[in-house]
Protein backbone atom coordinates (compact mmCIF):
# COMPACT_ATOMS: atom_id res chain seq x y z
CA MET A 1 121.51 76.14 89.24
CA LYS A 2 122.44 79.26 87.28
CA PHE A 3 119.66 78.62 84.75
CA LEU A 4 117.11 78.36 87.59
CA ASP A 5 118.46 81.54 89.19
CA LYS A 6 118.33 83.50 85.92
CA THR A 7 114.86 82.23 85.02
CA LEU A 8 113.49 82.91 88.49
CA THR A 9 115.12 86.34 88.58
CA PHE A 10 113.58 87.27 85.24
CA LEU A 11 110.15 85.99 86.31
CA GLU A 12 110.25 87.80 89.67
CA ASN A 13 111.43 91.08 88.18
CA PHE A 14 108.99 90.92 85.28
CA LEU A 15 105.93 90.13 87.40
CA ALA A 16 106.77 92.61 90.16
CA GLY A 17 107.68 95.31 87.63
CA ILE A 18 104.51 94.85 85.61
CA SER A 19 102.25 94.82 88.67
CA LEU A 20 103.86 97.91 90.24
CA SER A 21 103.95 99.77 86.92
CA LEU A 22 100.29 99.04 86.24
CA ALA A 23 99.34 100.08 89.78
CA ALA A 24 101.22 103.38 89.42
CA LEU A 25 99.82 104.03 85.94
CA LEU A 26 96.27 103.29 87.02
CA THR A 27 96.62 105.49 90.10
CA MET A 28 97.93 108.41 88.03
CA LEU A 29 95.22 107.92 85.44
CA ASN A 30 92.55 107.92 88.14
CA ILE A 31 93.98 111.13 89.62
CA VAL A 32 93.93 112.85 86.23
CA MET A 33 90.39 111.65 85.58
CA ARG A 34 89.19 112.98 88.94
CA TYR A 35 91.00 116.30 88.62
CA PHE A 36 90.08 117.18 85.04
CA PHE A 37 86.83 115.31 84.42
CA ASN A 38 85.41 114.89 87.94
CA ARG A 39 85.08 111.16 87.21
CA SER A 40 87.15 108.10 87.98
CA PHE A 41 87.23 104.42 87.22
CA ILE A 42 84.97 102.77 89.76
CA TRP A 43 87.14 99.65 89.62
CA GLY A 44 90.47 101.50 89.79
CA GLU A 45 91.05 101.36 93.52
CA GLU A 46 90.30 97.65 93.71
CA ALA A 47 92.63 96.94 90.79
CA VAL A 48 95.45 98.94 92.40
CA VAL A 49 95.03 97.06 95.68
CA PHE A 50 95.20 93.70 93.90
CA LEU A 51 98.26 94.76 91.87
CA VAL A 52 100.10 95.95 95.00
CA ILE A 53 99.26 92.68 96.75
CA TYR A 54 100.71 90.78 93.78
CA SER A 55 103.89 92.84 93.89
CA ALA A 56 104.22 92.32 97.66
CA PHE A 57 103.99 88.53 97.44
CA ILE A 58 106.38 88.42 94.49
CA GLY A 59 108.64 90.86 96.34
CA THR A 60 109.14 88.33 99.14
CA SER A 61 110.98 86.11 96.67
CA ILE A 62 113.07 89.05 95.45
CA ALA A 63 113.96 89.92 99.05
CA MET A 64 115.02 86.30 99.63
CA ARG A 65 117.28 86.45 96.57
CA TYR A 66 119.24 89.27 98.20
CA ARG A 67 118.70 87.89 101.72
CA GLU A 68 117.06 91.15 102.70
CA HIS A 69 114.21 89.81 104.81
CA ILE A 70 113.83 91.31 108.26
CA THR A 71 115.77 89.21 110.74
CA VAL A 72 116.12 89.09 114.49
CA ASP A 73 119.76 88.27 115.07
CA ILE A 74 120.03 88.09 118.84
CA LEU A 75 121.15 84.46 118.66
CA GLY A 76 123.53 85.33 115.83
CA THR A 77 125.46 87.66 118.13
CA LEU A 78 125.95 84.87 120.68
CA VAL A 79 127.45 82.26 118.35
CA ARG A 80 130.46 82.25 116.08
CA GLY A 81 131.71 80.32 113.05
CA LYS A 82 129.69 77.26 112.16
CA GLY A 83 127.00 78.27 114.64
CA VAL A 84 126.13 81.28 112.51
CA ARG A 85 125.73 79.10 109.44
CA ALA A 86 123.66 76.60 111.44
CA LEU A 87 121.33 79.44 112.47
CA GLU A 88 121.08 80.58 108.84
CA VAL A 89 120.17 77.03 107.80
CA LEU A 90 117.57 76.81 110.58
CA SER A 91 116.12 80.17 109.54
CA VAL A 92 115.77 79.14 105.90
CA LEU A 93 114.31 75.77 106.92
CA LEU A 94 111.64 77.60 108.93
CA ILE A 95 110.88 79.77 105.89
CA LEU A 96 110.55 76.62 103.77
CA VAL A 97 108.16 75.03 106.27
CA TYR A 98 106.11 78.25 106.42
CA CYS A 99 105.92 78.45 102.62
CA LEU A 100 104.96 74.79 102.39
CA ILE A 101 102.12 75.08 104.92
CA ILE A 102 100.69 78.48 103.98
CA GLY A 103 101.34 77.91 100.27
CA ALA A 104 99.50 74.58 100.37
CA PHE A 105 96.53 76.23 102.06
CA GLY A 106 96.77 79.03 99.49
CA TRP A 107 96.50 76.54 96.64
CA LEU A 108 93.52 74.91 98.42
CA MET A 109 91.90 78.34 98.85
CA VAL A 110 92.31 79.18 95.16
CA THR A 111 90.90 75.85 93.97
CA ASP A 112 87.96 75.95 96.37
CA PRO A 113 84.65 76.09 94.47
CA SER A 114 83.59 79.21 96.37
CA ALA A 115 86.68 81.06 95.07
CA ILE A 116 85.91 79.96 91.55
CA HIS A 117 82.29 81.11 91.63
CA THR A 118 82.63 84.22 93.84
CA ILE A 119 83.40 87.51 92.09
CA THR A 120 85.12 90.65 93.30
CA PRO A 121 82.89 93.70 93.95
CA SER A 122 84.18 96.23 91.41
CA LEU A 123 86.19 94.34 88.83
CA LYS A 124 83.75 91.42 88.69
CA LEU A 125 86.69 89.00 88.48
CA PRO A 126 86.54 85.48 89.89
CA LEU A 127 87.95 85.65 93.42
CA TRP A 128 90.70 83.15 92.62
CA ILE A 129 92.44 85.73 90.38
CA PRO A 130 93.45 88.09 93.22
CA GLU A 131 93.83 85.20 95.68
CA ILE A 132 96.32 83.33 93.50
CA SER A 133 98.95 85.91 94.44
CA ILE A 134 99.35 84.09 97.78
CA PRO A 135 100.26 80.61 96.53
CA VAL A 136 102.21 81.93 93.53
CA GLY A 137 104.26 84.29 95.71
CA LEU A 138 104.89 81.61 98.32
CA THR A 139 105.83 79.07 95.66
CA LEU A 140 108.38 81.52 94.25
CA LEU A 141 109.63 82.19 97.79
CA PHE A 142 109.88 78.44 98.45
CA ILE A 143 111.98 77.90 95.33
CA ARG A 144 114.21 80.87 96.18
CA ALA A 145 114.55 79.75 99.81
CA ALA A 146 115.54 76.24 98.65
CA GLU A 147 118.23 77.86 96.50
CA VAL A 148 119.45 79.94 99.45
CA LEU A 149 119.48 76.83 101.66
CA TRP A 150 121.54 74.97 99.05
CA LYS A 151 124.06 77.82 98.85
CA THR A 152 124.22 78.21 102.65
CA VAL A 153 124.80 74.51 103.26
CA ARG A 154 127.50 74.42 100.57
CA GLY A 155 129.13 77.57 102.00
CA ILE A 156 128.61 79.64 98.85
CA PRO A 157 128.54 83.33 99.80
CA HIS A 158 125.43 85.24 98.81
CA SER A 159 125.74 87.90 96.16
């Protein structure tokens, strides 16, 4: 389990870090180009949007690692002891079901022939390249949620 956690942590941090760094660098470069040369990269804004979307979907897995997702804990205030853990298990199970359903449709969307042959307006990339952020992010979230479920069921405190 520790090997999976370390590998997943490295992958999440690397992918999110690269995508956010590239988005910031490209934004700054575009600002400098506009300010000093009155020109910009026509594809820059589209690239930044895609990179931020990638970082957001990967960030869901990072948030799950630290159990930092937004929660509504009204029921949690009404129960004590094992009831709290049961609600945590139910919550993670719902996340797993969501990831399974939306992630499966995401993989179908990416492999659809129209996504393979359609291109983005500015970057002229196949549409599946920006769209793959959805199933990849939800797959990472699914794996991380399964890990959190395992730890919650076994009573291992989160770190």
